[in-house]
Amino acid sequence: MTALALCRFAHFLAAMLAFGMSAYLWTYAPERLRLALSPVARRLALIASVVALITAVAWLALESASMADDWSAASDPGAIGAVQDALGAGLHRANHAVHLMAAGAWIGGLVPFVMCLRAYERDDLRKDAVRAMTGFSFWGQFVVAAIVLTGVVNIALTSHHPPVPPTTPYRALLVAKLIIVASMILLALFNRFVLAPRLKASANALTTLRATSAAEVALGCVVIALVSVFALLDPA
């Protein structure tokens, strides 16, 4: 299970980074800013895409071996096909897909957001950086709302009851995830309504915003790690 959990973590992290970074640059960043950030962003997106592809293949193989309790099933086309046919009902799949895309848009988008904080220090990019960060903050409200809504639906479809009390490993890790996500939302609100308005007047605000944004990225990685583990457990 450890190998499968690590594979899931690497896949989710890479896929979210590739999707979130690309969505951020093409949705929020003006052309001049996008061109300035593209060299680094393209390299990161390329690496993330390759990792996502490799781990997707490895995930199928490991899932097949786990379900069959036989390592030979990792290379058995029939067993792998059975895994693909056993990933849940249509509603659950659709809801899960929206949840992951919204999470990717938020967590993956935080990386170019941090890059914009560096661009903010350049006089020729400051205006564009503010525009991109403002757009991300505004639309992020709806992205986070989608994450919360689809998350509630996922819990209902998977375990059929609230995660409290956290009396099982699955519930305990799920509650930990919910607490961390709530902390990320509070940090995002603090960044938008407290720190962002002070950027022009205080150099300390920029330094603090960098730190809190980096903290959001770190917490997002912890959330992905928790999901990678508890989704493999009995949701009872």
C-alpha atoms as a PDB file:
ATOM      1  CA  MET A   1       0.000   0.000   0.000  1.00  0.00           C
ATOM      2  CA  THR A   2       2.953   2.314   0.634  1.00  0.00           C
ATOM      3  CA  ALA A   3       4.058   2.202  -2.999  1.00  0.00           C
ATOM      4  CA  LEU A   4       0.506   2.869  -4.177  1.00  0.00           C
ATOM      5  CA  ALA A   5       0.089   5.793  -1.791  1.00  0.00           C
ATOM      6  CA  LEU A   6       3.390   7.339  -2.911  1.00  0.00           C
ATOM      7  CA  CYS A   7       2.424   6.870  -6.552  1.00  0.00           C
ATOM      8  CA  ARG A   8      -0.958   8.525  -5.963  1.00  0.00           C
ATOM      9  CA  PHE A   9       0.717  11.416  -4.156  1.00  0.00           C
ATOM     10  CA  ALA A  10       3.211  12.016  -6.970  1.00  0.00           C
ATOM     11  CA  HIS A  11       0.457  11.777  -9.596  1.00  0.00           C
ATOM     12  CA  PHE A  12      -1.955  14.139  -7.867  1.00  0.00           C
ATOM     13  CA  LEU A  13       0.785  16.656  -7.099  1.00  0.00           C
ATOM     14  CA  ALA A  14       2.163  16.633 -10.649  1.00  0.00           C
ATOM     15  CA  ALA A  15      -1.239  16.755 -12.336  1.00  0.00           C
ATOM     16  CA  MET A  16      -2.459  19.591 -10.107  1.00  0.00           C
ATOM     17  CA  LEU A  17       0.718  21.581 -10.704  1.00  0.00           C
ATOM     18  CA  ALA A  18       0.539  21.188 -14.484  1.00  0.00           C
ATOM     19  CA  PHE A  19      -3.172  22.033 -14.622  1.00  0.00           C
ATOM     20  CA  GLY A  20      -3.185  24.815 -12.035  1.00  0.00           C
ATOM     21  CA  MET A  21      -0.109  26.557 -13.395  1.00  0.00           C
ATOM     22  CA  SER A  22      -1.343  26.472 -16.992  1.00  0.00           C
ATOM     23  CA  ALA A  23      -4.825  27.631 -15.989  1.00  0.00           C
ATOM     24  CA  TYR A  24      -3.390  30.510 -13.949  1.00  0.00           C
ATOM     25  CA  LEU A  25      -1.111  31.800 -16.695  1.00  0.00           C
ATOM     26  CA  TRP A  26      -3.710  31.624 -19.443  1.00  0.00           C
ATOM     27  CA  THR A  27      -6.653  32.839 -17.367  1.00  0.00           C
ATOM     28  CA  TYR A  28      -5.216  35.582 -15.174  1.00  0.00           C
ATOM     29  CA  ALA A  29      -1.818  36.681 -16.499  1.00  0.00           C
ATOM     30  CA  PRO A  30      -1.616  39.440 -19.138  1.00  0.00           C
ATOM     31  CA  GLU A  31       0.564  38.586 -22.123  1.00  0.00           C
ATOM     32  CA  ARG A  32       3.670  40.473 -20.985  1.00  0.00           C
ATOM     33  CA  LEU A  33       3.632  38.786 -17.584  1.00  0.00           C
ATOM     34  CA  ARG A  34       2.901  35.400 -19.139  1.00  0.00           C
ATOM     35  CA  LEU A  35       5.904  35.742 -21.427  1.00  0.00           C
ATOM     36  CA  ALA A  36       8.123  36.743 -18.509  1.00  0.00           C
ATOM     37  CA  LEU A  37       7.067  33.741 -16.426  1.00  0.00           C
ATOM     38  CA  SER A  38       6.906  31.239 -19.289  1.00  0.00           C
ATOM     39  CA  PRO A  39      10.525  29.957 -19.244  1.00  0.00           C
ATOM     40  CA  VAL A  40      10.256  28.709 -15.665  1.00  0.00           C
ATOM     41  CA  ALA A  41       6.575  27.808 -15.916  1.00  0.00           C
ATOM     42  CA  ARG A  42       7.049  25.733 -19.054  1.00  0.00           C
ATOM     43  CA  ARG A  43       9.875  23.733 -17.516  1.00  0.00           C
ATOM     44  CA  LEU A  44       7.840  23.035 -14.390  1.00  0.00           C
ATOM     45  CA  ALA A  45       4.742  22.145 -16.416  1.00  0.00           C
ATOM     46  CA  LEU A  46       6.732  19.818 -18.682  1.00  0.00           C
ATOM     47  CA  ILE A  47       8.330  18.002 -15.753  1.00  0.00           C
ATOM     48  CA  ALA A  48       4.970  17.758 -13.986  1.00  0.00           C
ATOM     49  CA  SER A  49       3.260  16.415 -17.117  1.00  0.00           C
ATOM     50  CA  VAL A  50       5.886  13.712 -17.590  1.00  0.00           C
ATOM     51  CA  VAL A  51       5.644  12.702 -13.932  1.00  0.00           C
ATOM     52  CA  ALA A  52       1.834  12.633 -14.168  1.00  0.00           C
ATOM     53  CA  LEU A  53       1.989  10.346 -17.228  1.00  0.00           C
ATOM     54  CA  ILE A  54       4.488   7.938 -15.682  1.00  0.00           C
ATOM     55  CA  THR A  55       2.653   7.751 -12.363  1.00  0.00           C
ATOM     56  CA  ALA A  56      -0.700   7.239 -14.105  1.00  0.00           C
ATOM     57  CA  VAL A  57       0.657   4.092 -15.747  1.00  0.00           C
ATOM     58  CA  ALA A  58       2.329   2.970 -12.520  1.00  0.00           C
ATOM     59  CA  TRP A  59      -0.862   3.656 -10.555  1.00  0.00           C
ATOM     60  CA  LEU A  60      -2.901   1.344 -12.778  1.00  0.00           C
ATOM     61  CA  ALA A  61      -0.314  -1.404 -12.446  1.00  0.00           C
ATOM     62  CA  LEU A  62      -0.036  -1.064  -8.666  1.00  0.00           C
ATOM     63  CA  GLU A  63      -3.818  -0.860  -8.228  1.00  0.00           C
ATOM     64  CA  SER A  64      -4.214  -4.003 -10.307  1.00  0.00           C
ATOM     65  CA  ALA A  65      -1.630  -5.871  -8.234  1.00  0.00           C
ATOM     66  CA  SER A  66      -3.249  -4.646  -5.014  1.00  0.00           C
ATOM     67  CA  MET A  67      -6.769  -5.701  -6.018  1.00  0.00           C
ATOM     68  CA  ALA A  68      -5.602  -9.133  -7.169  1.00  0.00           C
ATOM     69  CA  ASP A  69      -3.134  -9.489  -4.279  1.00  0.00           C
ATOM     70  CA  ASP A  70      -0.681 -10.721  -6.888  1.00  0.00           C
ATOM     71  CA  TRP A  71       2.230  -8.751  -8.368  1.00  0.00           C
ATOM     72  CA  SER A  72       1.846 -10.549 -11.694  1.00  0.00           C
ATOM     73  CA  ALA A  73      -1.465  -8.742 -12.149  1.00  0.00           C
ATOM     74  CA  ALA A  74       0.475  -5.470 -12.526  1.00  0.00           C
ATOM     75  CA  SER A  75       1.255  -6.434 -16.118  1.00  0.00           C
ATOM     76  CA  ASP A  76      -1.933  -8.370 -16.880  1.00  0.00           C
ATOM     77  CA  PRO A  77      -4.107  -6.407 -19.384  1.00  0.00           C
ATOM     78  CA  GLY A  78      -7.230  -8.159 -18.139  1.00  0.00           C
ATOM     79  CA  ALA A  79      -6.588  -7.256 -14.516  1.00  0.00           C
ATOM     80  CA  ILE A  80      -5.734  -3.665 -15.445  1.00  0.00           C
ATOM     81  CA  GLY A  81      -8.937  -3.448 -17.472  1.00  0.00           C
ATOM     82  CA  ALA A  82     -10.906  -4.665 -14.458  1.00  0.00           C
ATOM     83  CA  VAL A  83      -9.409  -1.839 -12.394  1.00  0.00           C
ATOM     84  CA  GLN A  84     -10.515   0.715 -14.965  1.00  0.00           C
ATOM     85  CA  ASP A  85     -14.050  -0.682 -14.888  1.00  0.00           C
ATOM     86  CA  ALA A  86     -14.234  -0.561 -11.054  1.00  0.00           C
ATOM     87  CA  LEU A  87     -13.710   3.175 -10.379  1.00  0.00           C
ATOM     88  CA  GLY A  88     -17.238   4.042  -9.218  1.00  0.00           C
ATOM     89  CA  ALA A  89     -20.555   5.210 -10.629  1.00  0.00           C
ATOM     90  CA  GLY A  90     -20.964   8.013 -13.155  1.00  0.00           C
ATOM     91  CA  LEU A  91     -22.086  10.627 -10.621  1.00  0.00           C
ATOM     92  CA  HIS A  92     -19.229   9.803  -8.287  1.00  0.00           C
ATOM     93  CA  ARG A  93     -16.696   9.967 -11.120  1.00  0.00           C
ATOM     94  CA  ALA A  94     -18.008  13.299 -12.370  1.00  0.00           C
ATOM     95  CA  ASN A  95     -18.082  14.837  -8.903  1.00  0.00           C
ATOM     96  CA  HIS A  96     -14.606  13.522  -8.156  1.00  0.00           C
ATOM     97  CA  ALA A  97     -13.297  14.958 -11.420  1.00  0.00           C
ATOM     98  CA  VAL A  98     -14.701  18.418 -10.643  1.00  0.00           C
ATOM     99  CA  HIS A  99     -13.265  18.216  -7.123  1.00  0.00           C
ATOM    100  CA  LEU A 100      -9.785  17.379  -8.399  1.00  0.00           C
ATOM    101  CA  MET A 101      -9.860  20.053 -11.120  1.00  0.00           C
ATOM    102  CA  ALA A 102     -10.936  22.701  -8.620  1.00  0.00           C
ATOM    103  CA  ALA A 103      -8.250  21.572  -6.164  1.00  0.00           C
ATOM    104  CA  GLY A 104      -5.694  21.683  -8.969  1.00  0.00           C
ATOM    105  CA  ALA A 105      -6.759  25.173  -9.978  1.00  0.00           C
ATOM    106  CA  TRP A 106      -6.240  26.329  -6.380  1.00  0.00           C
ATOM    107  CA  ILE A 107      -3.189  24.412  -5.188  1.00  0.00           C
ATOM    108  CA  GLY A 108      -1.456  24.357  -8.561  1.00  0.00           C
ATOM    109  CA  GLY A 109      -2.300  28.022  -9.084  1.00  0.00           C
ATOM    110  CA  LEU A 110      -0.520  28.999  -5.888  1.00  0.00           C
ATOM    111  CA  VAL A 111       2.860  28.323  -7.531  1.00  0.00           C
ATOM    112  CA  PRO A 112       2.503  30.967 -10.280  1.00  0.00           C
ATOM    113  CA  PHE A 113       0.893  33.221  -7.664  1.00  0.00           C
ATOM    114  CA  VAL A 114       4.163  33.078  -5.700  1.00  0.00           C
ATOM    115  CA  MET A 115       6.024  33.741  -8.948  1.00  0.00           C
ATOM    116  CA  CYS A 116       3.887  36.847  -9.426  1.00  0.00           C
ATOM    117  CA  LEU A 117       5.003  38.110  -6.021  1.00  0.00           C
ATOM    118  CA  ARG A 118       8.552  38.136  -7.384  1.00  0.00           C
ATOM    119  CA  ALA A 119       7.400  39.812 -10.589  1.00  0.00           C
ATOM    120  CA  TYR A 120       5.709  42.473  -8.446  1.00  0.00           C
ATOM    121  CA  GLU A 121       9.152  43.805  -7.529  1.00  0.00           C
ATOM    122  CA  ARG A 122       9.822  44.696 -11.162  1.00  0.00           C
ATOM    123  CA  ASP A 123       8.485  48.091 -12.204  1.00  0.00           C
ATOM    124  CA  ASP A 124       7.650  46.881 -15.721  1.00  0.00           C
ATOM    125  CA  LEU A 125       5.656  43.886 -14.447  1.00  0.00           C
ATOM    126  CA  ARG A 126       4.098  45.245 -11.251  1.00  0.00           C
ATOM    127  CA  LYS A 127       0.780  46.293 -12.793  1.00  0.00           C
ATOM    128  CA  ASP A 128       0.361  42.975 -14.622  1.00  0.00           C
ATOM    129  CA  ALA A 129       1.331  41.013 -11.511  1.00  0.00           C
ATOM    130  CA  VAL A 130      -1.324  42.822  -9.463  1.00  0.00           C
ATOM    131  CA  ARG A 131      -3.916  42.123 -12.149  1.00  0.00           C
ATOM    132  CA  ALA A 132      -3.059  38.414 -12.214  1.00  0.00           C
ATOM    133  CA  MET A 133      -3.043  38.057  -8.435  1.00  0.00           C
ATOM    134  CA  THR A 134      -6.310  39.972  -8.121  1.00  0.00           C
ATOM    135  CA  GLY A 135      -7.962  37.728 -10.698  1.00  0.00           C
ATOM    136  CA  PHE A 136      -6.742  34.610  -8.932  1.00  0.00           C
ATOM    137  CA  SER A 137      -7.992  35.875  -5.572  1.00  0.00           C
ATOM    138  CA  PHE A 138     -11.416  36.834  -6.951  1.00  0.00           C
ATOM    139  CA  TRP A 139     -12.118  33.642  -8.901  1.00  0.00           C
ATOM    140  CA  GLY A 140     -10.499  31.621  -6.149  1.00  0.00           C
ATOM    141  CA  GLN A 141     -13.611  32.230  -4.059  1.00  0.00           C
ATOM    142  CA  PHE A 142     -15.684  30.232  -6.533  1.00  0.00           C
ATOM    143  CA  VAL A 143     -12.989  27.578  -6.904  1.00  0.00           C
ATOM    144  CA  VAL A 144     -12.874  27.060  -3.137  1.00  0.00           C
ATOM    145  CA  ALA A 145     -16.686  26.944  -3.010  1.00  0.00           C
ATOM    146  CA  ALA A 146     -16.607  24.205  -5.669  1.00  0.00           C
ATOM    147  CA  ILE A 147     -13.988  22.297  -3.654  1.00  0.00           C
ATOM    148  CA  VAL A 148     -16.103  22.448  -0.501  1.00  0.00           C
ATOM    149  CA  LEU A 149     -19.340  21.495  -2.275  1.00  0.00           C
ATOM    150  CA  THR A 150     -17.875  18.573  -4.220  1.00  0.00           C
ATOM    151  CA  GLY A 151     -15.975  17.497  -1.115  1.00  0.00           C
ATOM    152  CA  VAL A 152     -19.203  17.219   0.844  1.00  0.00           C
ATOM    153  CA  VAL A 153     -20.756  15.215  -1.990  1.00  0.00           C
ATOM    154  CA  ASN A 154     -17.701  12.936  -2.105  1.00  0.00           C
ATOM    155  CA  ILE A 155     -18.004  12.220   1.606  1.00  0.00           C
ATOM    156  CA  ALA A 156     -21.704  11.443   1.219  1.00  0.00           C
ATOM    157  CA  LEU A 157     -21.134   9.125  -1.742  1.00  0.00           C
ATOM    158  CA  THR A 158     -18.108   7.379  -0.259  1.00  0.00           C
ATOM    159  CA  SER A 159     -18.808   6.872   3.449  1.00  0.00           C
ATOM    160  CA  HIS A 160     -22.508   7.834   3.664  1.00  0.00           C
ATOM    161  CA  HIS A 161     -22.032   9.561   7.035  1.00  0.00           C
ATOM    162  CA  PRO A 162     -20.124  12.492   8.579  1.00  0.00           C
ATOM    163  CA  PRO A 163     -16.429  11.942   9.385  1.00  0.00           C
ATOM    164  CA  VAL A 164     -16.969  12.687  13.069  1.00  0.00           C
ATOM    165  CA  PRO A 165     -16.299  11.235  15.491  1.00  0.00           C
ATOM    166  CA  PRO A 166     -12.906  10.257  14.012  1.00  0.00           C
ATOM    167  CA  THR A 167     -13.025   6.713  15.372  1.00  0.00           C
ATOM    168  CA  THR A 168     -11.368   4.966  12.402  1.00  0.00           C
ATOM    169  CA  PRO A 169      -8.092   5.670  10.536  1.00  0.00           C
ATOM    170  CA  TYR A 170     -10.085   6.808   7.490  1.00  0.00           C
ATOM    171  CA  ARG A 171     -12.173   9.264   9.495  1.00  0.00           C
ATOM    172  CA  ALA A 172      -9.162  10.557  11.454  1.00  0.00           C
ATOM    173  CA  LEU A 173      -7.198  11.344   8.288  1.00  0.00           C
ATOM    174  CA  LEU A 174     -10.268  12.845   6.629  1.00  0.00           C
ATOM    175  CA  VAL A 175     -10.839  15.138   9.625  1.00  0.00           C
ATOM    176  CA  ALA A 176      -7.170  16.141   9.501  1.00  0.00           C
ATOM    177  CA  LYS A 177      -7.602  16.997   5.835  1.00  0.00           C
ATOM    178  CA  LEU A 178     -10.677  19.110   6.555  1.00  0.00           C
ATOM    179  CA  ILE A 179      -8.843  21.018   9.302  1.00  0.00           C
ATOM    180  CA  ILE A 180      -5.900  21.752   7.019  1.00  0.00           C
ATOM    181  CA  VAL A 181      -8.165  22.862   4.159  1.00  0.00           C
ATOM    182  CA  ALA A 182      -9.957  25.190   6.597  1.00  0.00           C
ATOM    183  CA  SER A 183      -6.552  26.589   7.608  1.00  0.00           C
ATOM    184  CA  MET A 184      -5.693  27.178   3.946  1.00  0.00           C
ATOM    185  CA  ILE A 185      -8.957  29.038   3.437  1.00  0.00           C
ATOM    186  CA  LEU A 186      -8.242  31.239   6.465  1.00  0.00           C
ATOM    187  CA  LEU A 187      -4.760  31.980   5.121  1.00  0.00           C
ATOM    188  CA  ALA A 188      -6.227  32.862   1.731  1.00  0.00           C
ATOM    189  CA  LEU A 189      -8.708  35.251   3.352  1.00  0.00           C
ATOM    190  CA  PHE A 190      -5.909  36.829   5.405  1.00  0.00           C
ATOM    191  CA  ASN A 191      -3.807  37.263   2.260  1.00  0.00           C
ATOM    192  CA  ARG A 192      -6.615  38.856   0.292  1.00  0.00           C
ATOM    193  CA  PHE A 193      -8.221  41.149   2.842  1.00  0.00           C
ATOM    194  CA  VAL A 194      -5.311  42.003   5.138  1.00  0.00           C
ATOM    195  CA  LEU A 195      -2.004  41.709   3.315  1.00  0.00           C
ATOM    196  CA  ALA A 196      -2.905  42.512  -0.300  1.00  0.00           C
ATOM    197  CA  PRO A 197      -4.297  46.007   0.473  1.00  0.00           C
ATOM    198  CA  ARG A 198      -1.023  46.843   2.263  1.00  0.00           C
ATOM    199  CA  LEU A 199       1.346  45.917  -0.564  1.00  0.00           C
ATOM    200  CA  LYS A 200       1.846  49.470  -1.810  1.00  0.00           C
ATOM    201  CA  ALA A 201       2.357  50.950   1.632  1.00  0.00           C
ATOM    202  CA  SER A 202       4.483  48.292   3.315  1.00  0.00           C
ATOM    203  CA  ALA A 203       7.452  46.214   2.181  1.00  0.00           C
ATOM    204  CA  ASN A 204       6.784  43.906   5.119  1.00  0.00           C
ATOM    205  CA  ALA A 205       3.396  43.042   3.635  1.00  0.00           C
ATOM    206  CA  LEU A 206       5.082  41.603   0.526  1.00  0.00           C
ATOM    207  CA  THR A 207       7.470  39.535   2.640  1.00  0.00           C
ATOM    208  CA  THR A 208       4.626  38.242   4.787  1.00  0.00           C
ATOM    209  CA  LEU A 209       2.478  37.486   1.751  1.00  0.00           C
ATOM    210  CA  ARG A 210       5.287  35.400   0.303  1.00  0.00           C
ATOM    211  CA  ALA A 211       5.560  33.453   3.548  1.00  0.00           C
ATOM    212  CA  THR A 212       1.829  32.830   3.904  1.00  0.00           C
ATOM    213  CA  SER A 213       1.526  31.842   0.239  1.00  0.00           C
ATOM    214  CA  ALA A 214       4.404  29.394   0.643  1.00  0.00           C
ATOM    215  CA  ALA A 215       2.623  28.050   3.722  1.00  0.00           C
ATOM    216  CA  GLU A 216      -0.508  27.506   1.624  1.00  0.00           C
ATOM    217  CA  VAL A 217       1.533  25.521  -0.905  1.00  0.00           C
ATOM    218  CA  ALA A 218       3.043  23.395   1.887  1.00  0.00           C
ATOM    219  CA  LEU A 219      -0.362  22.764   3.458  1.00  0.00           C
ATOM    220  CA  GLY A 220      -1.745  21.859   0.037  1.00  0.00           C
ATOM    221  CA  CYS A 221       0.974  19.215  -0.315  1.00  0.00           C
ATOM    222  CA  VAL A 222       0.013  17.805   3.088  1.00  0.00           C
ATOM    223  CA  VAL A 223      -3.634  17.623   1.993  1.00  0.00           C
ATOM    224  CA  ILE A 224      -2.645  15.724  -1.155  1.00  0.00           C
ATOM    225  CA  ALA A 225      -0.549  13.327   0.946  1.00  0.00           C
ATOM    226  CA  LEU A 226      -3.472  12.661   3.299  1.00  0.00           C
ATOM    227  CA  VAL A 227      -5.851  12.020   0.396  1.00  0.00           C
ATOM    228  CA  SER A 228      -3.321   9.669  -1.188  1.00  0.00           C
ATOM    229  CA  VAL A 229      -3.356   7.561   1.973  1.00  0.00           C
ATOM    230  CA  PHE A 230      -6.881   7.607   3.373  1.00  0.00           C
ATOM    231  CA  ALA A 231      -8.539   6.933   0.021  1.00  0.00           C
ATOM    232  CA  LEU A 232      -6.938   3.492   0.209  1.00  0.00           C
ATOM    233  CA  LEU A 233      -8.537   2.738   3.582  1.00  0.00           C
ATOM    234  CA  ASP A 234     -11.960   1.385   4.492  1.00  0.00           C
ATOM    235  CA  PRO A 235     -14.304   4.431   4.564  1.00  0.00           C
ATOM    236  CA  ALA A 236     -16.338   2.938   7.401  1.00  0.00           C
END
